[in-house]
Amino acid sequence: MAVTTDDIKASVSKDIAALQQEVSRLQKMISAQGAEAYYEVRERAGKAYDDALPRAKGAVAQIRAEGVAAAGAAREHAAATTTALAVAAAMGFLAGYLLSGSQQPPRHWWQ
């Protein structure tokens, strides 16, 4: 029995159709898995946000309370606060002056 060109074309056409169906099936599987992974990650992120929200609110409230307490203490002891800030500024200026005087000017490769 001789194989004709038409037989080969029909066989190749069947193979191509089978491959197209397989690719289509694989695309559907990948799409379903991608959607499942998306919803899983979204759910985890939502849970993490819900878990972190109360702690963040508590931290903000505590920071706010400490800021109010620090501002109150600064108002009560205005002279001490001014002195402390002036000393800190003087130390910063002195440190900057000393560090800037100890540096050599930059040397460039063409010099």
PDB file of N, CA and C in Angstrom:
ATOM      1  N   MET A   1       0.843  -1.166   0.000  1.00  0.00           N
ATOM      2  CA  MET A   1       0.000   0.000   0.000  1.00  0.00           C
ATOM      3  C   MET A   1       0.888   1.228   0.000  1.00  0.00           C
ATOM      4  N   ALA A   2       0.695   2.059  -0.935  1.00  0.00           N
ATOM      5  CA  ALA A   2       1.524   3.244  -1.102  1.00  0.00           C
ATOM      6  C   ALA A   2       0.905   4.408  -0.354  1.00  0.00           C
ATOM      7  N   VAL A   3       1.794   5.160   0.287  1.00  0.00           N
ATOM      8  CA  VAL A   3       1.353   6.342   1.019  1.00  0.00           C
ATOM      9  C   VAL A   3       1.370   7.517   0.052  1.00  0.00           C
ATOM     10  N   THR A   4       0.235   8.182  -0.006  1.00  0.00           N
ATOM     11  CA  THR A   4       0.145   9.307  -0.941  1.00  0.00           C
ATOM     12  C   THR A   4       0.334  10.625  -0.203  1.00  0.00           C
ATOM     13  N   THR A   5       0.497  11.657  -0.986  1.00  0.00           N
ATOM     14  CA  THR A   5       0.658  12.997  -0.413  1.00  0.00           C
ATOM     15  C   THR A   5      -0.582  13.387   0.367  1.00  0.00           C
ATOM     16  N   ASP A   6      -1.726  12.982  -0.116  1.00  0.00           N
ATOM     17  CA  ASP A   6      -2.974  13.317   0.586  1.00  0.00           C
ATOM     18  C   ASP A   6      -3.036  12.625   1.941  1.00  0.00           C
ATOM     19  N   ASP A   7      -2.541  11.396   2.006  1.00  0.00           N
ATOM     20  CA  ASP A   7      -2.514  10.676   3.280  1.00  0.00           C
ATOM     21  C   ASP A   7      -1.597  11.387   4.283  1.00  0.00           C
ATOM     22  N   ILE A   8      -0.436  11.837   3.804  1.00  0.00           N
ATOM     23  CA  ILE A   8       0.515  12.545   4.676  1.00  0.00           C
ATOM     24  C   ILE A   8      -0.098  13.855   5.155  1.00  0.00           C
ATOM     25  N   LYS A   9      -0.739  14.595   4.251  1.00  0.00           N
ATOM     26  CA  LYS A   9      -1.380  15.860   4.627  1.00  0.00           C
ATOM     27  C   LYS A   9      -2.465  15.616   5.669  1.00  0.00           C
ATOM     28  N   ALA A  10      -3.249  14.564   5.486  1.00  0.00           N
ATOM     29  CA  ALA A  10      -4.328  14.263   6.428  1.00  0.00           C
ATOM     30  C   ALA A  10      -3.752  13.896   7.787  1.00  0.00           C
ATOM     31  N   SER A  11      -2.685  13.135   7.790  1.00  0.00           N
ATOM     32  CA  SER A  11      -2.045  12.740   9.047  1.00  0.00           C
ATOM     33  C   SER A  11      -1.465  13.952   9.763  1.00  0.00           C
ATOM     34  N   VAL A  12      -0.791  14.818   9.020  1.00  0.00           N
ATOM     35  CA  VAL A  12      -0.210  16.033   9.607  1.00  0.00           C
ATOM     36  C   VAL A  12      -1.318  16.939  10.124  1.00  0.00           C
ATOM     37  N   SER A  13      -2.405  17.051   9.389  1.00  0.00           N
ATOM     38  CA  SER A  13      -3.539  17.875   9.815  1.00  0.00           C
ATOM     39  C   SER A  13      -4.126  17.354  11.121  1.00  0.00           C
ATOM     40  N   LYS A  14      -4.244  16.025  11.233  1.00  0.00           N
ATOM     41  CA  LYS A  14      -4.752  15.428  12.470  1.00  0.00           C
ATOM     42  C   LYS A  14      -3.803  15.733  13.631  1.00  0.00           C
ATOM     43  N   ASP A  15      -2.492  15.597  13.372  1.00  0.00           N
ATOM     44  CA  ASP A  15      -1.505  15.879  14.421  1.00  0.00           C
ATOM     45  C   ASP A  15      -1.568  17.340  14.858  1.00  0.00           C
ATOM     46  N   ILE A  16      -1.688  18.246  13.888  1.00  0.00           N
ATOM     47  CA  ILE A  16      -1.763  19.672  14.215  1.00  0.00           C
ATOM     48  C   ILE A  16      -3.021  19.962  15.026  1.00  0.00           C
ATOM     49  N   ALA A  17      -4.139  19.365  14.650  1.00  0.00           N
ATOM     50  CA  ALA A  17      -5.387  19.581  15.386  1.00  0.00           C
ATOM     51  C   ALA A  17      -5.252  19.058  16.811  1.00  0.00           C
ATOM     52  N   ALA A  18      -4.616  17.898  16.970  1.00  0.00           N
ATOM     53  CA  ALA A  18      -4.420  17.341  18.304  1.00  0.00           C
ATOM     54  C   ALA A  18      -3.521  18.251  19.139  1.00  0.00           C
ATOM     55  N   LEU A  19      -2.462  18.777  18.527  1.00  0.00           N
ATOM     56  CA  LEU A  19      -1.566  19.694  19.241  1.00  0.00           C
ATOM     57  C   LEU A  19      -2.282  20.983  19.623  1.00  0.00           C
ATOM     58  N   GLN A  20      -3.133  21.495  18.740  1.00  0.00           N
ATOM     59  CA  GLN A  20      -3.897  22.704  19.052  1.00  0.00           C
ATOM     60  C   GLN A  20      -4.830  22.468  20.240  1.00  0.00           C
ATOM     61  N   GLN A  21      -5.453  21.317  20.270  1.00  0.00           N
ATOM     62  CA  GLN A  21      -6.334  20.987  21.399  1.00  0.00           C
ATOM     63  C   GLN A  21      -5.537  20.878  22.698  1.00  0.00           C
ATOM     64  N   GLU A  22      -4.360  20.275  22.620  1.00  0.00           N
ATOM     65  CA  GLU A  22      -3.509  20.119  23.805  1.00  0.00           C
ATOM     66  C   GLU A  22      -3.035  21.483  24.314  1.00  0.00           C
ATOM     67  N   VAL A  23      -2.634  22.356  23.390  1.00  0.00           N
ATOM     68  CA  VAL A  23      -2.205  23.703  23.782  1.00  0.00           C
ATOM     69  C   VAL A  23      -3.373  24.456  24.421  1.00  0.00           C
ATOM     70  N   SER A  24      -4.526  24.340  23.855  1.00  0.00           N
ATOM     71  CA  SER A  24      -5.707  24.993  24.409  1.00  0.00           C
ATOM     72  C   SER A  24      -6.002  24.484  25.816  1.00  0.00           C
ATOM     73  N   ARG A  25      -5.908  23.161  26.003  1.00  0.00           N
ATOM     74  CA  ARG A  25      -6.151  22.573  27.321  1.00  0.00           C
ATOM     75  C   ARG A  25      -5.111  23.062  28.329  1.00  0.00           C
ATOM     76  N   LEU A  26      -3.835  23.128  27.911  1.00  0.00           N
ATOM     77  CA  LEU A  26      -2.777  23.602  28.801  1.00  0.00           C
ATOM     78  C   LEU A  26      -2.967  25.079  29.156  1.00  0.00           C
ATOM     79  N   GLN A  27      -3.394  25.898  28.186  1.00  0.00           N
ATOM     80  CA  GLN A  27      -3.641  27.304  28.464  1.00  0.00           C
ATOM     81  C   GLN A  27      -4.754  27.477  29.495  1.00  0.00           C
ATOM     82  N   LYS A  28      -5.786  26.668  29.384  1.00  0.00           N
ATOM     83  CA  LYS A  28      -6.882  26.744  30.353  1.00  0.00           C
ATOM     84  C   LYS A  28      -6.402  26.334  31.743  1.00  0.00           C
ATOM     85  N   MET A  29      -5.556  25.299  31.812  1.00  0.00           N
ATOM     86  CA  MET A  29      -5.025  24.867  33.110  1.00  0.00           C
ATOM     87  C   MET A  29      -4.164  25.968  33.737  1.00  0.00           C
ATOM     88  N   ILE A  30      -3.294  26.561  32.937  1.00  0.00           N
ATOM     89  CA  ILE A  30      -2.413  27.613  33.440  1.00  0.00           C
ATOM     90  C   ILE A  30      -3.236  28.818  33.886  1.00  0.00           C
ATOM     91  N   SER A  31      -4.238  29.160  33.130  1.00  0.00           N
ATOM     92  CA  SER A  31      -5.093  30.286  33.493  1.00  0.00           C
ATOM     93  C   SER A  31      -5.806  30.019  34.814  1.00  0.00           C
ATOM     94  N   ALA A  32      -6.314  28.816  34.988  1.00  0.00           N
ATOM     95  CA  ALA A  32      -7.005  28.471  36.233  1.00  0.00           C
ATOM     96  C   ALA A  32      -6.044  28.508  37.415  1.00  0.00           C
ATOM     97  N   GLN A  33      -4.842  27.992  37.228  1.00  0.00           N
ATOM     98  CA  GLN A  33      -3.858  27.998  38.318  1.00  0.00           C
ATOM     99  C   GLN A  33      -3.417  29.424  38.638  1.00  0.00           C
ATOM    100  N   GLY A  34      -3.283  30.262  37.622  1.00  0.00           N
ATOM    101  CA  GLY A  34      -2.905  31.656  37.852  1.00  0.00           C
ATOM    102  C   GLY A  34      -3.966  32.395  38.632  1.00  0.00           C
ATOM    103  N   ALA A  35      -5.220  32.176  38.283  1.00  0.00           N
ATOM    104  CA  ALA A  35      -6.319  32.821  39.002  1.00  0.00           C
ATOM    105  C   ALA A  35      -6.372  32.332  40.449  1.00  0.00           C
ATOM    106  N   GLU A  36      -6.169  31.049  40.631  1.00  0.00           N
ATOM    107  CA  GLU A  36      -6.165  30.486  41.987  1.00  0.00           C
ATOM    108  C   GLU A  36      -5.030  31.076  42.822  1.00  0.00           C
ATOM    109  N   ALA A  37      -3.856  31.195  42.231  1.00  0.00           N
ATOM    110  CA  ALA A  37      -2.710  31.775  42.946  1.00  0.00           C
ATOM    111  C   ALA A  37      -2.969  33.242  43.262  1.00  0.00           C
ATOM    112  N   TYR A  38      -3.577  33.970  42.334  1.00  0.00           N
ATOM    113  CA  TYR A  38      -3.888  35.383  42.569  1.00  0.00           C
ATOM    114  C   TYR A  38      -4.814  35.538  43.766  1.00  0.00           C
ATOM    115  N   TYR A  39      -5.885  34.757  43.805  1.00  0.00           N
ATOM    116  CA  TYR A  39      -6.838  34.884  44.905  1.00  0.00           C
ATOM    117  C   TYR A  39      -6.227  34.446  46.229  1.00  0.00           C
ATOM    118  N   GLU A  40      -5.348  33.447  46.177  1.00  0.00           N
ATOM    119  CA  GLU A  40      -4.677  33.002  47.404  1.00  0.00           C
ATOM    120  C   GLU A  40      -3.752  34.093  47.945  1.00  0.00           C
ATOM    121  N   VAL A  41      -2.970  34.703  47.068  1.00  0.00           N
ATOM    122  CA  VAL A  41      -2.070  35.776  47.493  1.00  0.00           C
ATOM    123  C   VAL A  41      -2.877  36.970  47.988  1.00  0.00           C
ATOM    124  N   ARG A  42      -3.951  37.274  47.303  1.00  0.00           N
ATOM    125  CA  ARG A  42      -4.808  38.388  47.713  1.00  0.00           C
ATOM    126  C   ARG A  42      -5.396  38.143  49.093  1.00  0.00           C
ATOM    127  N   GLU A  43      -5.828  36.923  49.353  1.00  0.00           N
ATOM    128  CA  GLU A  43      -6.390  36.582  50.656  1.00  0.00           C
ATOM    129  C   GLU A  43      -5.322  36.687  51.747  1.00  0.00           C
ATOM    130  N   ARG A  44      -4.121  36.197  51.477  1.00  0.00           N
ATOM    131  CA  ARG A  44      -3.030  36.293  52.463  1.00  0.00           C
ATOM    132  C   ARG A  44      -2.689  37.748  52.759  1.00  0.00           C
ATOM    133  N   ALA A  45      -2.632  38.567  51.716  1.00  0.00           N
ATOM    134  CA  ALA A  45      -2.316  39.986  51.911  1.00  0.00           C
ATOM    135  C   ALA A  45      -3.401  40.662  52.735  1.00  0.00           C
ATOM    136  N   GLY A  46      -4.640  40.313  52.485  1.00  0.00           N
ATOM    137  CA  GLY A  46      -5.740  40.876  53.269  1.00  0.00           C
ATOM    138  C   GLY A  46      -5.646  40.484  54.735  1.00  0.00           C
ATOM    139  N   LYS A  47      -5.296  39.235  54.985  1.00  0.00           N
ATOM    140  CA  LYS A  47      -5.143  38.785  56.369  1.00  0.00           C
ATOM    141  C   LYS A  47      -3.976  39.494  57.046  1.00  0.00           C
ATOM    142  N   ALA A  48      -2.864  39.645  56.339  1.00  0.00           N
ATOM    143  CA  ALA A  48      -1.700  40.338  56.907  1.00  0.00           C
ATOM    144  C   ALA A  48      -2.051  41.786  57.218  1.00  0.00           C
ATOM    145  N   TYR A  49      -2.781  42.436  56.332  1.00  0.00           N
ATOM    146  CA  TYR A  49      -3.204  43.814  56.566  1.00  0.00           C
ATOM    147  C   TYR A  49      -4.127  43.889  57.778  1.00  0.00           C
ATOM    148  N   ASP A  50      -5.076  42.983  57.855  1.00  0.00           N
ATOM    149  CA  ASP A  50      -6.009  42.970  58.992  1.00  0.00           C
ATOM    150  C   ASP A  50      -5.285  42.704  60.304  1.00  0.00           C
ATOM    151  N   ASP A  51      -4.246  41.865  60.271  1.00  0.00           N
ATOM    152  CA  ASP A  51      -3.472  41.595  61.481  1.00  0.00           C
ATOM    153  C   ASP A  51      -2.612  42.789  61.886  1.00  0.00           C
ATOM    154  N   ALA A  52      -2.066  43.501  60.911  1.00  0.00           N
ATOM    155  CA  ALA A  52      -1.150  44.605  61.200  1.00  0.00           C
ATOM    156  C   ALA A  52      -1.878  45.894  61.563  1.00  0.00           C
ATOM    157  N   LEU A  53      -3.096  46.072  61.108  1.00  0.00           N
ATOM    158  CA  LEU A  53      -3.817  47.325  61.315  1.00  0.00           C
ATOM    159  C   LEU A  53      -3.995  47.687  62.785  1.00  0.00           C
ATOM    160  N   PRO A  54      -4.455  46.781  63.651  1.00  0.00           N
ATOM    161  CA  PRO A  54      -4.613  47.162  65.062  1.00  0.00           C
ATOM    162  C   PRO A  54      -3.274  47.531  65.719  1.00  0.00           C
ATOM    163  N   ARG A  55      -2.220  46.797  65.380  1.00  0.00           N
ATOM    164  CA  ARG A  55      -0.910  47.111  65.960  1.00  0.00           C
ATOM    165  C   ARG A  55      -0.421  48.467  65.483  1.00  0.00           C
ATOM    166  N   ALA A  56      -0.637  48.780  64.224  1.00  0.00           N
ATOM    167  CA  ALA A  56      -0.214  50.074  63.695  1.00  0.00           C
ATOM    168  C   ALA A  56      -0.996  51.204  64.353  1.00  0.00           C
ATOM    169  N   LYS A  57      -2.292  51.009  64.532  1.00  0.00           N
ATOM    170  CA  LYS A  57      -3.094  52.033  65.200  1.00  0.00           C
ATOM    171  C   LYS A  57      -2.624  52.241  66.631  1.00  0.00           C
ATOM    172  N   GLY A  58      -2.301  51.154  67.318  1.00  0.00           N
ATOM    173  CA  GLY A  58      -1.788  51.263  68.684  1.00  0.00           C
ATOM    174  C   GLY A  58      -0.461  51.996  68.733  1.00  0.00           C
ATOM    175  N   ALA A  59       0.417  51.704  67.770  1.00  0.00           N
ATOM    176  CA  ALA A  59       1.719  52.368  67.727  1.00  0.00           C
ATOM    177  C   ALA A  59       1.555  53.858  67.455  1.00  0.00           C
ATOM    178  N   VAL A  60       0.656  54.217  66.553  1.00  0.00           N
ATOM    179  CA  VAL A  60       0.418  55.628  66.257  1.00  0.00           C
ATOM    180  C   VAL A  60      -0.128  56.339  67.483  1.00  0.00           C
ATOM    181  N   ALA A  61      -1.053  55.702  68.185  1.00  0.00           N
ATOM    182  CA  ALA A  61      -1.612  56.310  69.398  1.00  0.00           C
ATOM    183  C   ALA A  61      -0.528  56.507  70.453  1.00  0.00           C
ATOM    184  N   GLN A  62       0.342  55.524  70.608  1.00  0.00           N
ATOM    185  CA  GLN A  62       1.418  55.634  71.596  1.00  0.00           C
ATOM    186  C   GLN A  62       2.401  56.731  71.209  1.00  0.00           C
ATOM    187  N   ILE A  63       2.764  56.820  69.950  1.00  0.00           N
ATOM    188  CA  ILE A  63       3.675  57.870  69.499  1.00  0.00           C
ATOM    189  C   ILE A  63       3.049  59.245  69.707  1.00  0.00           C
ATOM    190  N   ARG A  64       1.765  59.352  69.395  1.00  0.00           N
ATOM    191  CA  ARG A  64       1.070  60.617  69.593  1.00  0.00           C
ATOM    192  C   ARG A  64       1.074  61.004  71.072  1.00  0.00           C
ATOM    193  N   ALA A  65       0.796  60.049  71.951  1.00  0.00           N
ATOM    194  CA  ALA A  65       0.780  60.321  73.397  1.00  0.00           C
ATOM    195  C   ALA A  65       2.165  60.743  73.883  1.00  0.00           C
ATOM    196  N   GLU A  66       3.207  60.077  73.391  1.00  0.00           N
ATOM    197  CA  GLU A  66       4.565  60.438  73.798  1.00  0.00           C
ATOM    198  C   GLU A  66       4.948  61.820  73.266  1.00  0.00           C
ATOM    199  N   GLY A  67       4.506  62.156  72.078  1.00  0.00           N
ATOM    200  CA  GLY A  67       4.759  63.491  71.530  1.00  0.00           C
ATOM    201  C   GLY A  67       4.085  64.571  72.350  1.00  0.00           C
ATOM    202  N   VAL A  68       2.836  64.304  72.756  1.00  0.00           N
ATOM    203  CA  VAL A  68       2.123  65.264  73.596  1.00  0.00           C
ATOM    204  C   VAL A  68       2.827  65.416  74.942  1.00  0.00           C
ATOM    205  N   ALA A  69       3.283  64.297  75.507  1.00  0.00           N
ATOM    206  CA  ALA A  69       3.999  64.359  76.789  1.00  0.00           C
ATOM    207  C   ALA A  69       5.314  65.120  76.649  1.00  0.00           C
ATOM    208  N   ALA A  70       6.038  64.903  75.566  1.00  0.00           N
ATOM    209  CA  ALA A  70       7.304  65.612  75.353  1.00  0.00           C
ATOM    210  C   ALA A  70       7.060  67.099  75.155  1.00  0.00           C
ATOM    211  N   ALA A  71       6.014  67.447  74.407  1.00  0.00           N
ATOM    212  CA  ALA A  71       5.692  68.857  74.198  1.00  0.00           C
ATOM    213  C   ALA A  71       5.294  69.514  75.514  1.00  0.00           C
ATOM    214  N   GLY A  72       4.542  68.797  76.342  1.00  0.00           N
ATOM    215  CA  GLY A  72       4.165  69.328  77.651  1.00  0.00           C
ATOM    216  C   GLY A  72       5.375  69.546  78.537  1.00  0.00           C
ATOM    217  N   ALA A  73       6.296  68.590  78.537  1.00  0.00           N
ATOM    218  CA  ALA A  73       7.511  68.738  79.352  1.00  0.00           C
ATOM    219  C   ALA A  73       8.358  69.896  78.837  1.00  0.00           C
ATOM    220  N   ALA A  74       8.423  70.086  77.516  1.00  0.00           N
ATOM    221  CA  ALA A  74       9.183  71.202  76.960  1.00  0.00           C
ATOM    222  C   ALA A  74       8.551  72.534  77.344  1.00  0.00           C
ATOM    223  N   ARG A  75       7.200  72.590  77.374  1.00  0.00           N
ATOM    224  CA  ARG A  75       6.532  73.826  77.791  1.00  0.00           C
ATOM    225  C   ARG A  75       6.767  74.126  79.260  1.00  0.00           C
ATOM    226  N   GLU A  76       6.746  73.091  80.075  1.00  0.00           N
ATOM    227  CA  GLU A  76       6.948  73.281  81.514  1.00  0.00           C
ATOM    228  C   GLU A  76       8.372  73.714  81.826  1.00  0.00           C
ATOM    229  N   HIS A  77       9.332  73.221  81.065  1.00  0.00           N
ATOM    230  CA  HIS A  77      10.741  73.507  81.326  1.00  0.00           C
ATOM    231  C   HIS A  77      11.344  74.186  80.100  1.00  0.00           C
ATOM    232  N   ALA A  78      10.826  75.353  79.778  1.00  0.00           N
ATOM    233  CA  ALA A  78      11.243  76.057  78.566  1.00  0.00           C
ATOM    234  C   ALA A  78      12.722  76.424  78.605  1.00  0.00           C
ATOM    235  N   ALA A  79      13.206  76.850  79.748  1.00  0.00           N
ATOM    236  CA  ALA A  79      14.613  77.256  79.850  1.00  0.00           C
ATOM    237  C   ALA A  79      15.534  76.053  79.635  1.00  0.00           C
ATOM    238  N   ALA A  80      15.220  74.945  80.264  1.00  0.00           N
ATOM    239  CA  ALA A  80      16.041  73.740  80.109  1.00  0.00           C
ATOM    240  C   ALA A  80      15.999  73.238  78.667  1.00  0.00           C
ATOM    241  N   THR A  81      14.833  73.297  78.035  1.00  0.00           N
ATOM    242  CA  THR A  81      14.699  72.853  76.651  1.00  0.00           C
ATOM    243  C   THR A  81      15.543  73.728  75.732  1.00  0.00           C
ATOM    244  N   THR A  82      15.466  75.046  75.930  1.00  0.00           N
ATOM    245  CA  THR A  82      16.249  75.965  75.104  1.00  0.00           C
ATOM    246  C   THR A  82      17.733  75.720  75.287  1.00  0.00           C
ATOM    247  N   THR A  83      18.137  75.511  76.529  1.00  0.00           N
ATOM    248  CA  THR A  83      19.552  75.255  76.801  1.00  0.00           C
ATOM    249  C   THR A  83      20.010  73.963  76.138  1.00  0.00           C
ATOM    250  N   ALA A  84      19.217  72.914  76.261  1.00  0.00           N
ATOM    251  CA  ALA A  84      19.583  71.628  75.659  1.00  0.00           C
ATOM    252  C   ALA A  84      19.690  71.741  74.144  1.00  0.00           C
ATOM    253  N   LEU A  85      18.748  72.439  73.508  1.00  0.00           N
ATOM    254  CA  LEU A  85      18.803  72.614  72.055  1.00  0.00           C
ATOM    255  C   LEU A  85      20.007  73.457  71.642  1.00  0.00           C
ATOM    256  N   ALA A  86      20.316  74.492  72.420  1.00  0.00           N
ATOM    257  CA  ALA A  86      21.467  75.334  72.097  1.00  0.00           C
ATOM    258  C   ALA A  86      22.767  74.544  72.227  1.00  0.00           C
ATOM    259  N   VAL A  87      22.884  73.723  73.273  1.00  0.00           N
ATOM    260  CA  VAL A  87      24.086  72.900  73.460  1.00  0.00           C
ATOM    261  C   VAL A  87      24.217  71.892  72.318  1.00  0.00           C
ATOM    262  N   ALA A  88      23.118  71.266  71.939  1.00  0.00           N
ATOM    263  CA  ALA A  88      23.157  70.292  70.840  1.00  0.00           C
ATOM    264  C   ALA A  88      23.565  70.974  69.535  1.00  0.00           C
ATOM    265  N   ALA A  89      23.022  72.171  69.278  1.00  0.00           N
ATOM    266  CA  ALA A  89      23.383  72.894  68.058  1.00  0.00           C
ATOM    267  C   ALA A  89      24.855  73.289  68.078  1.00  0.00           C
ATOM    268  N   ALA A  90      25.350  73.727  69.229  1.00  0.00           N
ATOM    269  CA  ALA A  90      26.764  74.108  69.334  1.00  0.00           C
ATOM    270  C   ALA A  90      27.665  72.909  69.111  1.00  0.00           C
ATOM    271  N   MET A  91      27.303  71.760  69.667  1.00  0.00           N
ATOM    272  CA  MET A  91      28.111  70.551  69.475  1.00  0.00           C
ATOM    273  C   MET A  91      28.104  70.130  68.008  1.00  0.00           C
ATOM    274  N   GLY A  92      26.953  70.242  67.365  1.00  0.00           N
ATOM    275  CA  GLY A  92      26.867  69.908  65.942  1.00  0.00           C
ATOM    276  C   GLY A  92      27.710  70.840  65.098  1.00  0.00           C
ATOM    277  N   PHE A  93      27.669  72.133  65.405  1.00  0.00           N
ATOM    278  CA  PHE A  93      28.477  73.097  64.676  1.00  0.00           C
ATOM    279  C   PHE A  93      29.964  72.815  64.885  1.00  0.00           C
ATOM    280  N   LEU A  94      30.353  72.541  66.120  1.00  0.00           N
ATOM    281  CA  LEU A  94      31.754  72.261  66.431  1.00  0.00           C
ATOM    282  C   LEU A  94      32.236  70.994  65.713  1.00  0.00           C
ATOM    283  N   ALA A  95      31.411  69.949  65.743  1.00  0.00           N
ATOM    284  CA  ALA A  95      31.782  68.706  65.058  1.00  0.00           C
ATOM    285  C   ALA A  95      31.926  68.943  63.557  1.00  0.00           C
ATOM    286  N   GLY A  96      31.017  69.693  62.958  1.00  0.00           N
ATOM    287  CA  GLY A  96      31.112  69.999  61.533  1.00  0.00           C
ATOM    288  C   GLY A  96      32.337  70.821  61.210  1.00  0.00           C
ATOM    289  N   TYR A  97      32.648  71.770  62.060  1.00  0.00           N
ATOM    290  CA  TYR A  97      33.833  72.605  61.848  1.00  0.00           C
ATOM    291  C   TYR A  97      35.109  71.770  61.920  1.00  0.00           C
ATOM    292  N   LEU A  98      35.184  70.902  62.930  1.00  0.00           N
ATOM    293  CA  LEU A  98      36.375  70.074  63.092  1.00  0.00           C
ATOM    294  C   LEU A  98      36.526  69.084  61.940  1.00  0.00           C
ATOM    295  N   LEU A  99      35.436  68.496  61.514  1.00  0.00           N
ATOM    296  CA  LEU A  99      35.500  67.533  60.411  1.00  0.00           C
ATOM    297  C   LEU A  99      35.818  68.209  59.088  1.00  0.00           C
ATOM    298  N   SER A 100      35.314  69.403  58.873  1.00  0.00           N
ATOM    299  CA  SER A 100      35.583  70.068  57.593  1.00  0.00           C
ATOM    300  C   SER A 100      37.022  70.555  57.520  1.00  0.00           C
ATOM    301  N   GLY A 101      37.615  70.887  58.642  1.00  0.00           N
ATOM    302  CA  GLY A 101      38.997  71.359  58.639  1.00  0.00           C
ATOM    303  C   GLY A 101      40.000  70.243  58.453  1.00  0.00           C
ATOM    304  N   SER A 102      39.617  69.022  58.743  1.00  0.00           N
ATOM    305  CA  SER A 102      40.566  67.912  58.657  1.00  0.00           C
ATOM    306  C   SER A 102      40.600  67.247  57.293  1.00  0.00           C
ATOM    307  N   GLN A 103      39.716  67.630  56.406  1.00  0.00           N
ATOM    308  CA  GLN A 103      39.659  66.975  55.097  1.00  0.00           C
ATOM    309  C   GLN A 103      40.591  67.659  54.116  1.00  0.00           C
ATOM    310  N   GLN A 104      41.220  66.869  53.298  1.00  0.00           N
ATOM    311  CA  GLN A 104      42.078  67.366  52.228  1.00  0.00           C
ATOM    312  C   GLN A 104      41.190  67.715  51.037  1.00  0.00           C
ATOM    313  N   PRO A 105      41.598  68.683  50.218  1.00  0.00           N
ATOM    314  CA  PRO A 105      40.801  68.954  49.018  1.00  0.00           C
ATOM    315  C   PRO A 105      40.864  67.747  48.084  1.00  0.00           C
ATOM    316  N   PRO A 106      39.813  67.509  47.339  1.00  0.00           N
ATOM    317  CA  PRO A 106      39.798  66.330  46.457  1.00  0.00           C
ATOM    318  C   PRO A 106      40.826  66.455  45.348  1.00  0.00           C
ATOM    319  N   ARG A 107      41.482  65.350  45.071  1.00  0.00           N
ATOM    320  CA  ARG A 107      42.460  65.315  43.977  1.00  0.00           C
ATOM    321  C   ARG A 107      41.813  64.605  42.804  1.00  0.00           C
ATOM    322  N   HIS A 108      41.958  65.221  41.665  1.00  0.00           N
ATOM    323  CA  HIS A 108      41.375  64.644  40.469  1.00  0.00           C
ATOM    324  C   HIS A 108      42.449  63.917  39.680  1.00  0.00           C
ATOM    325  N   TRP A 109      42.034  63.046  38.820  1.00  0.00           N
ATOM    326  CA  TRP A 109      42.971  62.209  38.085  1.00  0.00           C
ATOM    327  C   TRP A 109      43.834  63.022  37.126  1.00  0.00           C
ATOM    328  N   TRP A 110      43.382  64.207  36.713  1.00  0.00           N
ATOM    329  CA  TRP A 110      44.184  64.996  35.769  1.00  0.00           C
ATOM    330  C   TRP A 110      45.213  65.889  36.447  1.00  0.00           C
ATOM    331  N   GLN A 111      45.211  65.939  37.758  1.00  0.00           N
ATOM    332  CA  GLN A 111      46.180  66.782  38.465  1.00  0.00           C
ATOM    333  C   GLN A 111      47.416  65.999  38.828  1.00  0.00           C
TER     334      GLN A 111
END
